[in-house]
Amino acid sequence: MASHIEGIVFPGRTTGLTRRLRERLARMMEALTARDEIRSSLPLASGERVLTMTCDSSGSWVAASERALYHSDGAPSRVAVPREWVRLGWEEIGKVTWDDRDSTLTLTGLLPTVARRTVLHLPSAYPLASLAKERVAWTAVVRTQVDLGKHGMARVIGRRRPGSEELTWLVGLDGERDTPGVQEALEEALEGLRGRLGM
């Protein structure tokens, strides 16, 4: 890839065009260099690879790997390396919504350890929305209810953790978790569910 334009002579009145082309190429090279530095600042796990990366409309960086979505936290800048990244594992996201009108991607957190709602303003027609939907759907193993006998029902969600054999289990109880016998009933119900799923 050419990194500069020197020695190119255009006949006639093209001095302004040549200057503008040089300026634009210089900006493009600056952006590519910044992109490489920003990519290397991502807190990726061993073996994790970036699938796509862009700036949102505010200038904050957004990147997606096969395991998670990352967005920069702090002052937006298209060329400065972000100081902090927020990681949302695909298994931690409950819902992905794309709004064509505003070009916004909304991610609804599934776990209490992640933001309840993350809204990213992306370039229109950017493929991150379809990638996010596909990755989140891939993590889904089961969503069901299990009977805990006299302790009521429990809502259970099982998710694959990308990059590992581990499953994340989320449980919502109708009653109190600290009620005597609930934990044992839940463990028994989950064991039965694992058996039915062949795990």
Protein backbone atom coordinates (compact mmCIF):
# COMPACT_ATOMS: atom_id res chain seq x y z
CA MET A 1 0.00 0.00 0.00
CA ALA A 2 1.34 3.43 -0.89
CA SER A 3 1.91 5.65 2.09
CA HIS A 4 2.65 8.87 0.29
CA ILE A 5 2.32 10.59 -3.05
CA GLU A 6 5.46 12.27 -4.26
CA GLY A 7 6.72 12.91 -7.71
CA ILE A 8 3.31 12.64 -9.36
CA VAL A 9 2.83 15.46 -11.78
CA PHE A 10 -0.50 16.22 -13.36
CA PRO A 11 -0.45 18.56 -16.35
CA GLY A 12 -2.60 21.63 -16.30
CA ARG A 13 -4.47 23.24 -13.39
CA THR A 14 -4.47 20.37 -10.90
CA THR A 15 -2.35 21.84 -8.12
CA GLY A 16 -5.39 22.15 -5.82
CA LEU A 17 -6.53 18.63 -6.68
CA THR A 18 -3.06 17.20 -5.99
CA ARG A 19 -2.92 18.99 -2.64
CA ARG A 20 -6.38 17.72 -1.67
CA LEU A 21 -5.47 14.17 -2.72
CA ARG A 22 -2.28 14.32 -0.64
CA GLU A 23 -4.20 15.66 2.38
CA ARG A 24 -6.89 13.00 2.05
CA LEU A 25 -4.31 10.23 1.69
CA ALA A 26 -2.45 11.55 4.74
CA ARG A 27 -5.70 11.49 6.77
CA MET A 28 -6.42 7.95 5.57
CA MET A 29 -2.94 6.79 6.57
CA GLU A 30 -3.30 8.45 9.98
CA ALA A 31 -6.64 6.67 10.47
CA LEU A 32 -5.16 3.30 9.44
CA THR A 33 -2.22 3.72 11.80
CA ALA A 34 -4.59 4.73 14.62
CA ARG A 35 -6.85 1.76 13.82
CA ASP A 36 -3.92 -0.66 14.20
CA GLU A 37 -2.91 0.93 17.53
CA ILE A 38 -6.50 0.85 18.75
CA ARG A 39 -6.93 -2.79 17.69
CA SER A 40 -3.80 -3.73 19.63
CA SER A 41 -5.18 -1.97 22.74
CA LEU A 42 -8.21 -4.28 22.90
CA PRO A 43 -8.13 -6.58 25.96
CA LEU A 44 -8.53 -9.76 23.89
CA ALA A 45 -8.18 -13.21 25.44
CA SER A 46 -5.63 -15.63 24.05
CA GLY A 47 -6.79 -16.84 20.64
CA GLU A 48 -9.56 -14.24 20.38
CA ARG A 49 -9.68 -12.37 17.08
CA VAL A 50 -11.36 -9.18 15.93
CA LEU A 51 -14.03 -9.70 13.28
CA THR A 52 -15.01 -6.07 12.70
CA MET A 53 -14.20 -2.62 14.03
CA THR A 54 -15.57 0.89 13.50
CA CYS A 55 -16.22 4.27 15.11
CA ASP A 56 -19.70 5.17 16.23
CA SER A 57 -21.16 8.57 15.36
CA SER A 58 -19.62 10.17 18.48
CA GLY A 59 -16.11 8.95 17.58
CA SER A 60 -16.04 6.13 20.14
CA TRP A 61 -14.62 2.82 18.95
CA VAL A 62 -16.64 -0.38 18.67
CA ALA A 63 -15.10 -3.78 17.95
CA ALA A 64 -16.52 -7.28 17.76
CA SER A 65 -14.71 -10.56 18.13
CA GLU A 66 -16.07 -14.08 17.93
CA ARG A 67 -16.40 -13.95 21.75
CA ALA A 68 -17.54 -10.43 22.65
CA LEU A 69 -18.39 -6.88 21.70
CA TYR A 70 -16.06 -4.13 22.95
CA HIS A 71 -16.77 -0.42 23.06
CA SER A 72 -14.49 2.35 24.22
CA ASP A 73 -15.32 4.11 27.44
CA GLY A 74 -14.26 7.70 27.96
CA ALA A 75 -13.61 10.65 25.69
CA PRO A 76 -14.34 9.71 22.07
CA SER A 77 -11.58 10.10 19.53
CA ARG A 78 -11.11 8.56 16.11
CA VAL A 79 -7.31 8.62 16.44
CA ALA A 80 -6.54 8.38 20.18
CA VAL A 81 -6.16 4.94 21.72
CA PRO A 82 -9.01 4.39 24.22
CA ARG A 83 -7.93 4.21 27.86
CA GLU A 84 -10.67 1.78 28.80
CA TRP A 85 -12.78 -0.78 27.00
CA VAL A 86 -16.13 -2.17 28.09
CA ARG A 87 -16.51 -5.86 27.24
CA LEU A 88 -19.89 -7.49 26.65
CA GLY A 89 -19.57 -11.24 26.15
CA TRP A 90 -22.10 -12.51 23.63
CA GLU A 91 -23.47 -14.84 26.33
CA GLU A 92 -24.12 -11.78 28.55
CA ILE A 93 -26.45 -10.11 26.03
CA GLY A 94 -30.15 -10.96 26.14
CA LYS A 95 -31.42 -9.01 23.16
CA VAL A 96 -30.00 -7.20 20.12
CA THR A 97 -32.09 -4.54 18.36
CA TRP A 98 -31.19 -2.52 15.26
CA ASP A 99 -33.07 0.69 14.40
CA ASP A 100 -32.58 1.63 10.73
CA ARG A 101 -34.06 5.09 11.24
CA ASP A 102 -31.42 6.25 13.77
CA SER A 103 -28.72 3.67 12.90
CA THR A 104 -28.64 2.55 16.53
CA LEU A 105 -27.71 -0.84 17.87
CA THR A 106 -29.21 -1.53 21.29
CA LEU A 107 -27.86 -4.37 23.41
CA THR A 108 -29.89 -5.47 26.42
CA GLY A 109 -27.81 -7.02 29.19
CA LEU A 110 -28.81 -10.44 30.45
CA LEU A 111 -26.64 -10.57 33.56
CA PRO A 112 -26.60 -8.17 36.50
CA THR A 113 -22.84 -7.72 36.01
CA VAL A 114 -23.27 -5.88 32.68
CA ALA A 115 -25.07 -2.68 31.71
CA ARG A 116 -28.81 -3.15 31.46
CA ARG A 117 -28.84 -1.29 28.12
CA THR A 118 -26.04 -0.24 25.79
CA VAL A 119 -26.87 1.97 22.80
CA LEU A 120 -24.33 2.41 19.99
CA HIS A 121 -24.85 4.89 17.13
CA LEU A 122 -23.20 3.20 14.15
CA PRO A 123 -22.63 4.16 10.53
CA SER A 124 -25.71 3.22 8.52
CA ALA A 125 -25.72 -0.23 6.94
CA TYR A 126 -22.79 -1.32 9.14
CA PRO A 127 -22.81 -5.15 9.46
CA LEU A 128 -22.31 -5.22 13.24
CA ALA A 129 -26.05 -5.56 13.93
CA SER A 130 -26.40 -8.81 11.99
CA LEU A 131 -23.11 -10.11 13.44
CA ALA A 132 -24.29 -9.33 17.00
CA LYS A 133 -27.64 -11.06 16.43
CA GLU A 134 -25.92 -14.14 15.01
CA ARG A 135 -23.36 -14.35 17.84
CA VAL A 136 -25.96 -13.88 20.60
CA ALA A 137 -28.26 -16.50 19.01
CA TRP A 138 -25.33 -18.94 18.80
CA THR A 139 -24.79 -18.74 22.58
CA ALA A 140 -28.40 -19.72 23.40
CA VAL A 141 -28.69 -23.33 24.56
CA VAL A 142 -31.93 -23.40 26.52
CA ARG A 143 -34.59 -21.09 27.93
CA THR A 144 -37.20 -22.87 30.01
CA GLN A 145 -38.93 -23.19 33.36
CA VAL A 146 -38.25 -25.93 35.88
CA ASP A 147 -40.54 -27.09 38.67
CA LEU A 148 -39.09 -26.79 42.17
CA GLY A 149 -42.00 -28.64 43.78
CA LYS A 150 -43.38 -26.80 46.80
CA HIS A 151 -40.90 -23.95 46.13
CA GLY A 152 -42.63 -22.90 42.91
CA MET A 153 -41.04 -22.47 39.51
CA ALA A 154 -37.66 -21.23 38.34
CA ARG A 155 -36.86 -19.63 35.00
CA VAL A 156 -33.61 -21.03 33.60
CA ILE A 157 -31.45 -19.75 30.76
CA GLY A 158 -28.37 -21.67 29.62
CA ARG A 159 -25.79 -19.92 27.44
CA ARG A 160 -22.55 -21.07 25.80
CA ARG A 161 -19.49 -19.03 26.66
CA PRO A 162 -17.64 -18.48 23.34
CA GLY A 163 -14.07 -19.73 23.41
CA SER A 164 -14.72 -22.35 26.10
CA GLU A 165 -16.77 -25.44 26.88
CA GLU A 166 -18.35 -23.60 29.82
CA LEU A 167 -22.05 -22.87 30.08
CA THR A 168 -23.46 -19.88 31.93
CA TRP A 169 -26.66 -20.66 33.84
CA LEU A 170 -29.05 -17.88 34.83
CA VAL A 171 -31.84 -18.66 37.23
CA GLY A 172 -34.83 -16.54 38.23
CA LEU A 173 -36.79 -17.78 41.22
CA ASP A 174 -40.42 -17.12 42.07
CA GLY A 175 -39.64 -17.30 45.79
CA GLU A 176 -36.69 -16.51 48.02
CA ARG A 177 -33.38 -18.22 47.31
CA ASP A 178 -32.61 -18.42 51.04
CA THR A 179 -35.75 -20.42 51.87
CA PRO A 180 -34.71 -23.83 53.26
CA GLY A 181 -34.71 -26.49 50.55
CA VAL A 182 -34.77 -24.11 47.55
CA GLN A 183 -31.09 -24.52 46.67
CA GLU A 184 -31.34 -28.33 46.82
CA ALA A 185 -34.53 -28.34 44.71
CA LEU A 186 -32.89 -26.04 42.18
CA GLU A 187 -29.74 -28.17 41.92
CA GLU A 188 -31.89 -31.28 41.42
CA ALA A 189 -34.00 -29.54 38.73
CA LEU A 190 -30.88 -28.30 36.92
CA GLU A 191 -29.34 -31.78 37.03
CA GLY A 192 -32.54 -33.16 35.47
CA LEU A 193 -32.46 -30.43 32.81
CA ARG A 194 -28.81 -31.21 31.99
CA GLY A 195 -29.75 -34.88 31.66
CA ARG A 196 -32.61 -34.10 29.26
CA LEU A 197 -30.26 -31.93 27.19
CA GLY A 198 -27.58 -34.66 27.14
CA MET A 199 -25.02 -32.61 29.05
